[in-house]
Amino acid sequence: MLDKIDEYLDSHRHDFQQDLKELLRIPSVSADSRRADDVRKAADWVARQFRALGFATAEIPTDGH
């Protein structure tokens, strides 16, 4: 079983890396109020990824970071 998981991870490594790079390109520093739109963009990106995997998601706005 673990061999199949390792094989899957190895065969999709590039895709996983590209996804991570895409997320990290969003300057979503929540402590910087000028980045509020980027924080929302990052939250939307993560929610889309989870929905694509079949997870239910909910974005809950907060007053702080």
C-alpha atoms as a PDB file:
ATOM      1  CA  MET A   1       0.000   0.000   0.000  1.00  0.00           C
ATOM      2  CA  LEU A   2       2.731   2.502   0.915  1.00  0.00           C
ATOM      3  CA  ASP A   3       4.543   1.644  -2.308  1.00  0.00           C
ATOM      4  CA  LYS A   4       1.497   2.762  -4.299  1.00  0.00           C
ATOM      5  CA  ILE A   5       1.273   5.983  -2.326  1.00  0.00           C
ATOM      6  CA  ASP A   6       4.973   6.691  -2.872  1.00  0.00           C
ATOM      7  CA  GLU A   7       4.577   5.940  -6.572  1.00  0.00           C
ATOM      8  CA  TYR A   8       1.601   8.317  -6.837  1.00  0.00           C
ATOM      9  CA  LEU A   9       3.447  11.086  -5.004  1.00  0.00           C
ATOM     10  CA  ASP A  10       6.540  10.638  -7.161  1.00  0.00           C
ATOM     11  CA  SER A  11       4.548  10.629 -10.402  1.00  0.00           C
ATOM     12  CA  HIS A  12       2.669  13.809  -9.421  1.00  0.00           C
ATOM     13  CA  ARG A  13       5.557  15.634  -7.752  1.00  0.00           C
ATOM     14  CA  HIS A  14       5.804  18.262 -10.503  1.00  0.00           C
ATOM     15  CA  ASP A  15       2.067  19.058 -10.296  1.00  0.00           C
ATOM     16  CA  PHE A  16       2.241  19.381  -6.512  1.00  0.00           C
ATOM     17  CA  GLN A  17       5.244  21.684  -6.778  1.00  0.00           C
ATOM     18  CA  GLN A  18       3.515  23.847  -9.387  1.00  0.00           C
ATOM     19  CA  ASP A  19       0.421  24.154  -7.191  1.00  0.00           C
ATOM     20  CA  LEU A  20       2.519  25.153  -4.199  1.00  0.00           C
ATOM     21  CA  LYS A  21       4.427  27.741  -6.247  1.00  0.00           C
ATOM     22  CA  GLU A  22       1.137  29.191  -7.480  1.00  0.00           C
ATOM     23  CA  LEU A  23      -0.129  29.606  -3.916  1.00  0.00           C
ATOM     24  CA  LEU A  24       3.168  31.064  -2.677  1.00  0.00           C
ATOM     25  CA  ARG A  25       3.116  33.697  -5.434  1.00  0.00           C
ATOM     26  CA  ILE A  26       0.071  35.286  -3.784  1.00  0.00           C
ATOM     27  CA  PRO A  27       1.435  37.943  -1.390  1.00  0.00           C
ATOM     28  CA  SER A  28      -1.081  37.099   1.323  1.00  0.00           C
ATOM     29  CA  VAL A  29       0.522  38.634   4.413  1.00  0.00           C
ATOM     30  CA  SER A  30      -2.500  39.025   6.664  1.00  0.00           C
ATOM     31  CA  ALA A  31      -0.752  41.405   9.074  1.00  0.00           C
ATOM     32  CA  ASP A  32      -0.468  43.959   6.245  1.00  0.00           C
ATOM     33  CA  SER A  33      -3.901  45.535   5.697  1.00  0.00           C
ATOM     34  CA  ARG A  34      -2.839  46.503   2.161  1.00  0.00           C
ATOM     35  CA  ARG A  35      -2.842  42.770   1.352  1.00  0.00           C
ATOM     36  CA  ALA A  36      -6.474  42.112   2.333  1.00  0.00           C
ATOM     37  CA  ASP A  37      -7.445  41.368  -1.287  1.00  0.00           C
ATOM     38  CA  ASP A  38      -4.506  38.996  -1.633  1.00  0.00           C
ATOM     39  CA  VAL A  39      -5.476  37.214   1.593  1.00  0.00           C
ATOM     40  CA  ARG A  40      -8.952  36.692   0.103  1.00  0.00           C
ATOM     41  CA  LYS A  41      -7.379  35.486  -3.156  1.00  0.00           C
ATOM     42  CA  ALA A  42      -5.253  32.937  -1.280  1.00  0.00           C
ATOM     43  CA  ALA A  43      -8.280  31.740   0.705  1.00  0.00           C
ATOM     44  CA  ASP A  44     -10.238  31.327  -2.535  1.00  0.00           C
ATOM     45  CA  TRP A  45      -7.335  29.412  -4.090  1.00  0.00           C
ATOM     46  CA  VAL A  46      -7.116  26.990  -1.151  1.00  0.00           C
ATOM     47  CA  ALA A  47     -10.894  26.511  -1.096  1.00  0.00           C
ATOM     48  CA  ARG A  48     -10.900  25.692  -4.844  1.00  0.00           C
ATOM     49  CA  GLN A  49      -8.144  23.124  -4.344  1.00  0.00           C
ATOM     50  CA  PHE A  50     -10.068  21.409  -1.549  1.00  0.00           C
ATOM     51  CA  ARG A  51     -13.340  21.455  -3.520  1.00  0.00           C
ATOM     52  CA  ALA A  52     -11.518  19.866  -6.461  1.00  0.00           C
ATOM     53  CA  LEU A  53     -10.551  17.046  -4.095  1.00  0.00           C
ATOM     54  CA  GLY A  54     -14.185  16.585  -3.100  1.00  0.00           C
ATOM     55  CA  PHE A  55     -14.079  18.359   0.253  1.00  0.00           C
ATOM     56  CA  ALA A  56     -16.799  20.716   1.432  1.00  0.00           C
ATOM     57  CA  THR A  57     -15.374  24.146   2.176  1.00  0.00           C
ATOM     58  CA  ALA A  58     -16.510  27.328   3.861  1.00  0.00           C
ATOM     59  CA  GLU A  59     -14.706  30.644   3.912  1.00  0.00           C
ATOM     60  CA  ILE A  60     -15.342  32.487   7.160  1.00  0.00           C
ATOM     61  CA  PRO A  61     -14.377  36.170   7.211  1.00  0.00           C
ATOM     62  CA  THR A  62     -12.841  37.501  10.403  1.00  0.00           C
ATOM     63  CA  ASP A  63     -12.189  40.954  11.799  1.00  0.00           C
ATOM     64  CA  GLY A  64      -8.475  40.278  12.318  1.00  0.00           C
ATOM     65  CA  HIS A  65      -5.656  38.471  10.617  1.00  0.00           C
END
